[in-house]
């Protein structure tokens, strides 16, 4: 289930986003709007939800959120963007990584004790 999260998620929403992959959540983060879409099987599903909601593709970056240890992996095929000097699945710009981390932590982080 892909959910768009615009303000702090509830534990129930985090659990819904975990339904598909169980141990981590695929997320696409709009670094300009400060929102994310999470859940589903692919980052592209999350990206599509944000695009449908009015986000601009150049503002959306993919990552994986692991709730049990509050860690993030900045790797996704949607991050390959030669036009934005990101030629890798990994988000190469440390400023963008920091924004993705901060938005993700603020919106869906902090529930690690619920998943241990």
Protein backbone atom coordinates (compact mmCIF):
# COMPACT_ATOMS: atom_id res chain seq x y z
CA UNK A 1 0.00 0.00 0.00
CA UNK A 2 1.43 3.38 -1.04
CA UNK A 3 0.55 6.30 1.21
CA UNK A 4 1.38 9.96 0.75
CA UNK A 5 2.59 11.36 4.06
CA UNK A 6 2.43 15.13 4.45
CA UNK A 7 2.66 15.34 8.23
CA UNK A 8 3.92 12.99 10.94
CA UNK A 9 2.69 9.47 10.20
CA UNK A 10 0.88 7.41 12.78
CA UNK A 11 2.18 3.99 13.80
CA UNK A 12 -0.79 2.51 11.88
CA UNK A 13 0.32 4.28 8.68
CA UNK A 14 3.89 3.01 9.13
CA UNK A 15 2.54 -0.51 9.61
CA UNK A 16 0.46 -0.16 6.43
CA UNK A 17 3.54 0.92 4.46
CA UNK A 18 5.43 -2.09 5.83
CA UNK A 19 2.79 -4.59 4.67
CA UNK A 20 4.42 -5.25 1.30
CA UNK A 21 8.11 -5.71 2.17
CA UNK A 22 7.79 -6.33 5.95
CA UNK A 23 11.27 -5.13 7.05
CA UNK A 24 11.71 -1.88 5.14
CA UNK A 25 9.69 0.75 3.31
CA UNK A 26 10.31 1.98 -0.22
CA UNK A 27 9.96 5.77 -0.18
CA UNK A 28 10.02 8.58 -2.71
CA UNK A 29 10.65 11.95 -1.11
CA UNK A 30 9.71 15.34 -2.56
CA UNK A 31 12.55 17.46 -1.18
CA UNK A 32 10.83 20.74 -2.11
CA UNK A 33 7.40 20.04 -0.61
CA UNK A 34 8.83 18.11 2.35
CA UNK A 35 6.51 15.14 1.82
CA UNK A 36 6.95 11.49 0.92
CA UNK A 37 5.13 8.53 -0.52
CA UNK A 38 5.93 5.19 1.06
CA UNK A 39 5.01 1.54 0.68
CA UNK A 40 4.52 -0.71 -2.31
CA UNK A 41 7.01 -2.88 -4.14
CA UNK A 42 8.90 -0.26 -6.15
CA UNK A 43 10.17 3.26 -5.70
CA UNK A 44 8.49 4.02 -9.02
CA UNK A 45 5.09 3.30 -7.42
CA UNK A 46 5.82 5.92 -4.77
CA UNK A 47 7.17 8.34 -7.36
CA UNK A 48 3.99 7.92 -9.44
CA UNK A 49 1.81 8.71 -6.42
CA UNK A 50 3.73 11.94 -5.80
CA UNK A 51 3.61 12.94 -9.48
CA UNK A 52 -0.14 12.36 -9.50
CA UNK A 53 -0.34 14.55 -6.39
CA UNK A 54 1.40 17.43 -8.18
CA UNK A 55 5.08 16.95 -7.33
CA UNK A 56 7.75 17.69 -9.92
CA UNK A 57 9.88 14.73 -11.00
CA UNK A 58 13.16 16.62 -10.47
CA UNK A 59 12.25 17.08 -6.78
CA UNK A 60 11.58 13.38 -6.08
CA UNK A 61 14.31 11.05 -4.80
CA UNK A 62 14.08 7.38 -3.85
CA UNK A 63 15.33 5.62 -0.73
CA UNK A 64 14.60 2.71 1.60
CA UNK A 65 13.64 3.29 5.24
CA UNK A 66 14.39 0.56 7.79
CA UNK A 67 12.21 1.30 10.84
CA UNK A 68 13.74 -1.17 13.31
CA UNK A 69 17.09 0.65 13.34
CA UNK A 70 16.05 4.03 11.88
CA UNK A 71 18.45 3.75 8.96
CA UNK A 72 18.12 4.81 5.36
CA UNK A 73 19.61 3.56 2.10
CA UNK A 74 19.81 6.22 -0.61
CA UNK A 75 19.69 3.82 -3.55
CA UNK A 76 16.96 3.60 -6.17
CA UNK A 77 16.70 3.33 -9.92
CA UNK A 78 14.57 6.51 -9.93
CA UNK A 79 17.69 8.40 -8.77
CA UNK A 80 19.52 7.89 -12.07
CA UNK A 81 19.37 11.40 -13.51
CA UNK A 82 22.12 12.40 -15.90
CA UNK A 83 20.38 15.76 -16.43
CA UNK A 84 20.81 16.48 -12.69
CA UNK A 85 24.37 15.09 -12.56
CA UNK A 86 23.29 11.95 -10.71
CA UNK A 87 24.47 9.07 -12.88
CA UNK A 88 24.06 6.43 -10.19
CA UNK A 89 21.23 4.74 -8.32
CA UNK A 90 22.82 6.22 -5.19
CA UNK A 91 21.98 9.85 -4.38
CA UNK A 92 25.38 11.43 -4.89
CA UNK A 93 24.72 14.99 -3.70
CA UNK A 94 25.21 15.15 0.10
CA UNK A 95 22.75 18.06 0.37
CA UNK A 96 19.99 16.04 -1.30
CA UNK A 97 20.82 12.98 0.86
CA UNK A 98 20.56 15.15 3.97
CA UNK A 99 17.15 16.51 2.92
CA UNK A 100 15.83 13.03 2.11
CA UNK A 101 17.10 11.77 5.50
CA UNK A 102 15.60 14.69 7.43
CA UNK A 103 12.18 14.55 5.76
CA UNK A 104 11.97 10.77 6.10
CA UNK A 105 13.00 10.83 9.78
CA UNK A 106 10.54 13.60 10.59
CA UNK A 107 7.60 11.99 8.79
CA UNK A 108 7.98 8.25 9.49
CA UNK A 109 10.90 7.88 11.90
CA UNK A 110 10.90 7.36 15.64
CA UNK A 111 8.96 4.12 15.85
CA UNK A 112 11.94 1.77 16.13
CA UNK A 113 10.83 0.30 19.47
CA UNK A 114 7.58 -0.82 17.83
CA UNK A 115 9.46 -3.01 15.34
CA UNK A 116 12.07 -4.75 17.48
